[in-house]
Amino acid sequence: MDINYTGAPAEKQAALLKKSSGVSFMKFKKIFYSQKVAPYVFVIPFIFSFFFFWVYPLITAFTMSFQDIGAITSEWIGFANYAKLLKDNVFHIAVMNSCKYMFFTLVLLIPFPMLFAVLMDSHLVKAKGLWKAVLYMPALTSVVISGTLFRLMFTEYTTGQMNIISSFLGLGTYKWLKMGWSGMLALLIVACWRWTGVNMLYFLAGLKSIDSSLYEAADIDGASGWQKFRFVTLPLLKPTSVYVLTISVYAGLSMFLESYMLWAGNSSPNNIGLTIVGYLYKRGIEKNDMGYACAVGVVLLVVALIINFAQLILNGTFKKEES
């Protein structure tokens, strides 16, 4: 709509300008409220944040992994950082520690929270809201605080809670955080204390989506509690189980702060508590070798993607549903 303001009185010009603004606003409102445009408006903030906080850092880190980055200048060195990783025994220890931690957390933090969720969903447990709050509360606790408390619990002195318990059982005292098996045990206890309630709530949400009529039909057929769990609950909890498995793989491989606080730093005896992210922090922040640290991060991403894609394929996530 073309409006000519030339030669018109001031009042008429103001009226024409107001009319033009109204027309423009109506056009903008029509576009904004369009069913085709509105969805894109809502996803724009996510798209910007995704590219700014994930895609751009990922591309930058991948590029930096091929460079030798100094305080002022950087030099392109190709695959030298990755070749160095293949011969780095400390990095191999960190990878092994992270993989062991991930494996044991999967063993502990998927079946047990699932069983707790089934019990919580049954009529056997009273005061369910209280138990949910109690089990979820550790996740709200700062890792710095909880890591410090667990470090005091696992201290090698006789006043530590773990040594008090082991002495009471006649097992003597241990230097818990100076041995490989006990150091891993401490990390797993921290993980179970912190994440059992969270995973239990995931499985509770999955249980709420199961139609109760299926259990009623199973009761009519004379199914036992175990049969209902095996043939009704487990299959229908598969989407939740796959989700918990996926995030647990990533959480296990990327664990850092728990280990850092448990050993009061990034230096544990014989690197028994060193993880992949801990080694990334050691090389990138403590030794200012950002190119090598980025190579460690890229390897971590690749390992996590391979494991997760493998388990998603094995679980049939990418299979097309039959019509």
Protein backbone atom coordinates (compact mmCIF):
# COMPACT_ATOMS: atom_id res chain seq x y z
CA MET A 1 0.00 0.00 0.00
CA ASP A 2 1.69 3.23 -1.16
CA ILE A 3 0.85 6.45 0.72
CA ASN A 4 2.06 9.84 -0.54
CA TYR A 5 2.83 12.42 2.16
CA THR A 6 4.07 15.15 -0.22
CA GLY A 7 2.12 18.41 -0.16
CA ALA A 8 -0.32 17.35 2.54
CA PRO A 9 -1.03 19.43 5.67
CA ALA A 10 0.70 18.47 8.93
CA GLU A 11 -2.46 17.00 10.48
CA LYS A 12 -3.19 15.00 7.35
CA GLN A 13 0.40 13.77 7.23
CA ALA A 14 0.12 12.59 10.85
CA ALA A 15 -3.14 10.78 10.08
CA LEU A 16 -1.67 9.11 7.01
CA LEU A 17 1.46 8.11 8.99
CA LYS A 18 -0.71 6.61 11.74
CA LYS A 19 -2.75 4.72 9.17
CA SER A 20 0.41 3.42 7.53
CA SER A 21 1.80 2.29 10.90
CA GLY A 22 -1.46 0.52 11.65
CA VAL A 23 -1.36 -1.30 8.35
CA SER A 24 2.25 -2.35 8.93
CA PHE A 25 1.42 -3.58 12.43
CA MET A 26 -1.52 -5.60 11.10
CA LYS A 27 0.73 -7.20 8.49
CA PHE A 28 3.34 -8.01 11.13
CA LYS A 29 0.68 -9.40 13.48
CA LYS A 30 -0.76 -11.54 10.70
CA ILE A 31 2.66 -13.00 9.95
CA PHE A 32 3.54 -13.46 13.62
CA TYR A 33 0.30 -15.30 14.40
CA SER A 34 0.50 -17.47 11.29
CA GLN A 35 0.40 -21.20 12.06
CA LYS A 36 3.30 -21.69 9.64
CA VAL A 37 5.53 -18.98 11.13
CA ALA A 38 4.74 -19.28 14.86
CA PRO A 39 6.52 -22.64 15.42
CA TYR A 40 9.75 -21.23 13.98
CA VAL A 41 9.48 -18.18 16.25
CA PHE A 42 9.32 -20.45 19.31
CA VAL A 43 12.33 -22.56 18.29
CA ILE A 44 14.56 -19.61 17.33
CA PRO A 45 15.91 -19.14 20.91
CA PHE A 46 16.82 -22.84 21.11
CA ILE A 47 18.44 -22.76 17.66
CA PHE A 48 20.56 -19.73 18.55
CA SER A 49 21.62 -21.17 21.92
CA PHE A 50 22.32 -24.58 20.34
CA PHE A 51 24.59 -23.12 17.68
CA PHE A 52 26.24 -20.61 20.01
CA PHE A 53 26.85 -22.89 23.00
CA TRP A 54 27.26 -26.30 21.29
CA VAL A 55 27.94 -26.26 17.54
CA TYR A 56 30.35 -23.31 17.55
CA PRO A 57 32.42 -24.59 20.55
CA LEU A 58 32.45 -28.08 19.01
CA ILE A 59 33.78 -26.83 15.68
CA THR A 60 36.30 -24.60 17.46
CA ALA A 61 37.53 -27.43 19.70
CA PHE A 62 37.82 -29.78 16.72
CA THR A 63 39.89 -27.17 14.85
CA MET A 64 42.09 -26.46 17.90
CA SER A 65 42.82 -30.18 18.31
CA PHE A 66 44.96 -29.96 15.15
CA GLN A 67 46.96 -27.02 16.47
CA ASP A 68 49.76 -26.32 18.91
CA ILE A 69 48.32 -23.34 20.78
CA GLY A 70 50.68 -21.04 22.63
CA ALA A 71 50.07 -17.96 24.73
CA ILE A 72 50.04 -15.66 21.69
CA THR A 73 50.32 -17.73 18.51
CA SER A 74 49.07 -21.08 17.30
CA GLU A 75 50.60 -23.47 14.80
CA TRP A 76 48.86 -26.06 12.64
CA ILE A 77 50.40 -29.47 13.41
CA GLY A 78 47.92 -31.89 11.83
CA PHE A 79 47.33 -35.16 13.67
CA ALA A 80 50.31 -34.78 16.01
CA ASN A 81 48.09 -34.37 19.10
CA TYR A 82 46.15 -37.53 18.28
CA ALA A 83 49.35 -39.47 17.60
CA LYS A 84 50.64 -38.32 20.97
CA LEU A 85 47.44 -39.59 22.64
CA LEU A 86 48.11 -43.11 21.34
CA LYS A 87 51.40 -43.18 23.27
CA ASP A 88 50.19 -41.33 26.38
CA ASN A 89 49.97 -43.86 29.23
CA VAL A 90 48.32 -41.36 31.58
CA PHE A 91 45.56 -40.80 29.04
CA HIS A 92 45.09 -44.56 28.74
CA ILE A 93 44.69 -44.79 32.53
CA ALA A 94 42.13 -41.98 32.45
CA VAL A 95 40.14 -43.72 29.69
CA MET A 96 40.21 -47.02 31.58
CA ASN A 97 39.06 -45.34 34.81
CA SER A 98 36.19 -43.54 33.05
CA CYS A 99 35.08 -46.72 31.23
CA LYS A 100 35.12 -48.76 34.44
CA TYR A 101 33.20 -46.05 36.26
CA MET A 102 30.65 -45.87 33.43
CA PHE A 103 30.20 -49.65 33.38
CA PHE A 104 29.64 -49.98 37.12
CA THR A 105 27.26 -47.01 37.23
CA LEU A 106 25.21 -48.63 34.46
CA VAL A 107 25.09 -51.87 36.47
CA LEU A 108 24.04 -50.08 39.66
CA LEU A 109 22.04 -47.06 38.53
CA ILE A 110 19.62 -48.68 36.08
CA PRO A 111 18.24 -51.92 37.62
CA PHE A 112 18.10 -50.74 41.24
CA PRO A 113 16.32 -47.41 40.58
CA MET A 114 13.92 -49.35 38.34
CA LEU A 115 13.10 -51.76 41.17
CA PHE A 116 12.73 -48.87 43.62
CA ALA A 117 10.35 -47.17 41.20
CA VAL A 118 8.24 -50.33 40.88
CA LEU A 119 8.07 -50.61 44.68
CA MET A 120 7.24 -46.91 44.97
CA ASP A 121 4.44 -47.35 42.43
CA SER A 122 2.98 -50.30 44.30
CA HIS A 123 0.78 -50.38 47.41
CA LEU A 124 3.62 -51.72 49.58
CA VAL A 125 5.19 -48.31 50.30
CA LYS A 126 3.56 -45.68 52.51
CA ALA A 127 4.40 -41.97 52.57
CA LYS A 128 5.53 -42.07 48.95
CA GLY A 129 5.94 -38.31 48.70
CA LEU A 130 8.34 -38.30 51.64
CA TRP A 131 10.47 -41.09 50.17
CA LYS A 132 10.60 -39.37 46.78
CA ALA A 133 11.80 -36.15 48.41
CA VAL A 134 14.40 -37.97 50.53
CA LEU A 135 15.81 -39.93 47.58
CA TYR A 136 15.87 -36.89 45.29
CA MET A 137 17.45 -34.54 47.84
CA PRO A 138 21.08 -35.66 47.20
CA ALA A 139 20.78 -34.47 43.59
CA LEU A 140 20.09 -30.97 44.91
CA THR A 141 23.19 -31.00 47.08
CA SER A 142 26.29 -29.25 45.76
CA VAL A 143 28.91 -31.67 44.46
CA VAL A 144 31.55 -29.58 46.20
CA ILE A 145 29.89 -30.08 49.58
CA SER A 146 29.02 -33.73 49.08
CA GLY A 147 32.49 -34.52 47.70
CA THR A 148 34.13 -32.92 50.72
CA LEU A 149 31.91 -34.87 53.12
CA PHE A 150 32.63 -38.16 51.38
CA ARG A 151 36.35 -37.38 51.42
CA LEU A 152 36.15 -37.06 55.20
CA MET A 153 34.17 -40.31 55.37
CA PHE A 154 36.81 -42.18 53.37
CA THR A 155 39.81 -40.68 55.13
CA GLU A 156 42.63 -43.05 56.08
CA TYR A 157 42.49 -41.97 59.72
CA THR A 158 40.70 -44.10 62.29
CA THR A 159 38.14 -41.33 62.83
CA GLY A 160 36.71 -41.74 59.34
CA GLN A 161 33.25 -43.31 59.16
CA MET A 162 34.31 -46.03 56.73
CA ASN A 163 37.24 -47.05 58.92
CA ILE A 164 34.98 -47.03 61.99
CA ILE A 165 32.58 -49.41 60.19
CA SER A 166 35.38 -51.68 58.89
CA SER A 167 36.99 -51.79 62.36
CA PHE A 168 33.64 -52.68 63.91
CA LEU A 169 33.34 -55.57 61.44
CA GLY A 170 36.85 -56.74 62.34
CA LEU A 171 38.33 -55.85 58.93
CA GLY A 172 40.81 -53.28 60.19
CA THR A 173 41.40 -49.87 58.67
CA TYR A 174 42.19 -48.96 55.06
CA LYS A 175 43.68 -46.10 53.11
CA TRP A 176 40.52 -45.92 51.05
CA LEU A 177 41.56 -43.16 48.67
CA LYS A 178 45.03 -44.55 48.02
CA MET A 179 44.02 -47.93 46.57
CA GLY A 180 42.50 -48.61 43.17
CA TRP A 181 39.54 -50.80 44.17
CA SER A 182 38.55 -48.73 47.20
CA GLY A 183 38.92 -45.46 45.29
CA MET A 184 36.53 -46.75 42.62
CA LEU A 185 34.21 -47.97 45.39
CA ALA A 186 34.16 -44.47 46.87
CA LEU A 187 33.29 -42.95 43.48
CA LEU A 188 30.48 -45.47 42.98
CA ILE A 189 29.04 -44.83 46.44
CA VAL A 190 28.98 -41.10 45.69
CA ALA A 191 27.30 -41.78 42.32
CA CYS A 192 24.67 -44.08 43.84
CA TRP A 193 23.96 -41.65 46.66
CA ARG A 194 23.56 -38.78 44.22
CA TRP A 195 21.73 -40.28 41.23
CA THR A 196 19.59 -43.17 42.50
CA GLY A 197 16.66 -40.88 43.28
CA VAL A 198 16.90 -39.07 39.94
CA ASN A 199 16.81 -42.28 37.89
CA MET A 200 14.02 -43.63 40.09
CA LEU A 201 11.88 -40.60 39.19
CA TYR A 202 12.56 -41.22 35.49
CA PHE A 203 11.29 -44.78 35.85
CA LEU A 204 8.32 -43.62 37.93
CA ALA A 205 7.33 -41.30 35.08
CA GLY A 206 7.59 -44.25 32.69
CA LEU A 207 5.44 -46.42 34.96
CA LYS A 208 2.72 -43.77 35.05
CA SER A 209 2.40 -44.00 31.27
CA ILE A 210 1.56 -47.72 31.39
CA ASP A 211 -2.15 -48.43 31.08
CA SER A 212 -3.43 -50.04 34.29
CA SER A 213 -5.85 -52.18 32.28
CA LEU A 214 -2.87 -54.26 31.13
CA TYR A 215 -2.16 -55.24 34.74
CA GLU A 216 -5.85 -55.99 35.28
CA ALA A 217 -5.83 -58.28 32.25
CA ALA A 218 -2.71 -59.99 33.60
CA ASP A 219 -4.44 -60.51 36.95
CA ILE A 220 -7.40 -62.11 35.18
CA ASP A 221 -5.01 -64.47 33.38
CA GLY A 222 -3.52 -65.43 36.74
CA ALA A 223 -0.11 -63.83 36.21
CA SER A 224 2.18 -63.59 39.22
CA GLY A 225 3.93 -60.40 40.31
CA TRP A 226 7.15 -61.49 38.62
CA GLN A 227 5.33 -62.35 35.38
CA LYS A 228 3.62 -58.95 35.32
CA PHE A 229 6.97 -57.25 35.86
CA ARG A 230 8.70 -59.32 33.20
CA PHE A 231 6.05 -59.35 30.47
CA VAL A 232 4.25 -56.03 31.07
CA THR A 233 6.45 -53.60 33.00
CA LEU A 234 9.85 -54.30 31.46
CA PRO A 235 8.77 -54.15 27.77
CA LEU A 236 6.72 -51.00 28.27
CA LEU A 237 9.53 -49.34 30.25
CA LYS A 238 11.95 -49.84 27.37
CA PRO A 239 11.79 -46.20 26.10
CA THR A 240 12.55 -44.92 29.59
CA SER A 241 15.30 -47.51 30.06
CA VAL A 242 16.94 -46.52 26.77
CA TYR A 243 16.81 -42.85 27.77
CA VAL A 244 18.33 -43.51 31.20
CA LEU A 245 20.98 -45.73 29.61
CA THR A 246 21.88 -43.02 27.10
CA ILE A 247 22.31 -40.24 29.64
CA SER A 248 24.11 -42.60 32.04
CA VAL A 249 26.71 -43.47 29.41
CA TYR A 250 27.47 -39.81 28.87
CA ALA A 251 27.39 -39.03 32.60
CA GLY A 252 29.77 -41.89 33.37
CA LEU A 253 32.32 -40.90 30.74
CA SER A 254 32.17 -37.18 31.55
CA MET A 255 32.43 -37.49 35.35
CA PHE A 256 34.97 -35.05 36.78
CA LEU A 257 33.87 -32.94 39.74
CA GLU A 258 33.13 -35.89 42.03
CA SER A 259 36.64 -37.22 41.53
CA TYR A 260 38.18 -33.78 41.84
CA MET A 261 36.49 -33.15 45.20
CA LEU A 262 37.02 -36.66 46.55
CA TRP A 263 40.80 -36.35 46.13
CA ALA A 264 40.85 -32.60 46.87
CA GLY A 265 42.36 -31.88 43.47
CA ASN A 266 43.22 -33.47 40.18
CA SER A 267 46.14 -35.52 41.51
CA SER A 268 45.23 -38.89 42.98
CA PRO A 269 47.77 -41.60 43.96
CA ASN A 270 48.91 -43.41 40.82
CA ASN A 271 46.07 -41.60 38.97
CA ILE A 272 43.47 -43.99 40.43
CA GLY A 273 40.84 -41.23 40.34
CA LEU A 274 41.85 -39.57 37.08
CA THR A 275 39.09 -39.43 34.46
CA ILE A 276 39.05 -38.32 30.82
CA VAL A 277 37.61 -34.92 31.69
CA GLY A 278 40.05 -34.68 34.59
CA TYR A 279 42.94 -35.27 32.19
CA LEU A 280 41.46 -32.71 29.80
CA TYR A 281 41.41 -30.21 32.68
CA LYS A 282 44.96 -31.13 33.68
CA ARG A 283 46.38 -30.57 30.19
CA GLY A 284 44.22 -27.62 29.17
CA ILE A 285 43.95 -25.56 32.36
CA GLU A 286 46.81 -26.68 34.59
CA LYS A 287 49.44 -27.08 31.84
CA ASN A 288 47.95 -24.61 29.35
CA ASP A 289 48.14 -27.08 26.45
CA MET A 290 44.77 -26.29 24.89
CA GLY A 291 45.40 -28.04 21.57
CA TYR A 292 46.16 -31.35 23.28
CA ALA A 293 43.22 -30.87 25.67
CA CYS A 294 40.88 -30.33 22.71
CA ALA A 295 42.13 -33.58 21.19
CA VAL A 296 41.24 -35.34 24.47
CA GLY A 297 37.77 -33.77 24.34
CA VAL A 298 37.22 -34.87 20.74
CA VAL A 299 38.19 -38.44 21.65
CA LEU A 300 35.76 -38.33 24.59
CA LEU A 301 32.96 -37.17 22.28
CA VAL A 302 33.73 -39.89 19.72
CA VAL A 303 33.83 -42.64 22.38
CA ALA A 304 30.52 -41.47 23.90
CA LEU A 305 28.88 -41.31 20.46
CA ILE A 306 30.12 -44.78 19.47
CA ILE A 307 28.87 -46.39 22.69
CA ASN A 308 25.54 -44.62 22.59
CA PHE A 309 24.89 -45.27 18.91
CA ALA A 310 25.80 -48.94 19.42
CA GLN A 311 23.38 -49.38 22.31
CA LEU A 312 20.63 -47.45 20.48
CA ILE A 313 21.02 -49.71 17.45
CA LEU A 314 21.01 -52.83 19.64
CA ASN A 315 17.87 -51.58 21.38
CA GLY A 316 16.15 -51.09 18.03
CA THR A 317 15.72 -47.33 18.45
CA PHE A 318 16.30 -46.60 14.77
CA LYS A 319 14.07 -49.38 13.45
CA LYS A 320 10.98 -48.27 11.57
CA GLU A 321 7.72 -49.24 13.21
CA GLU A 322 5.59 -51.62 11.21
CA SER A 323 2.36 -50.07 10.01
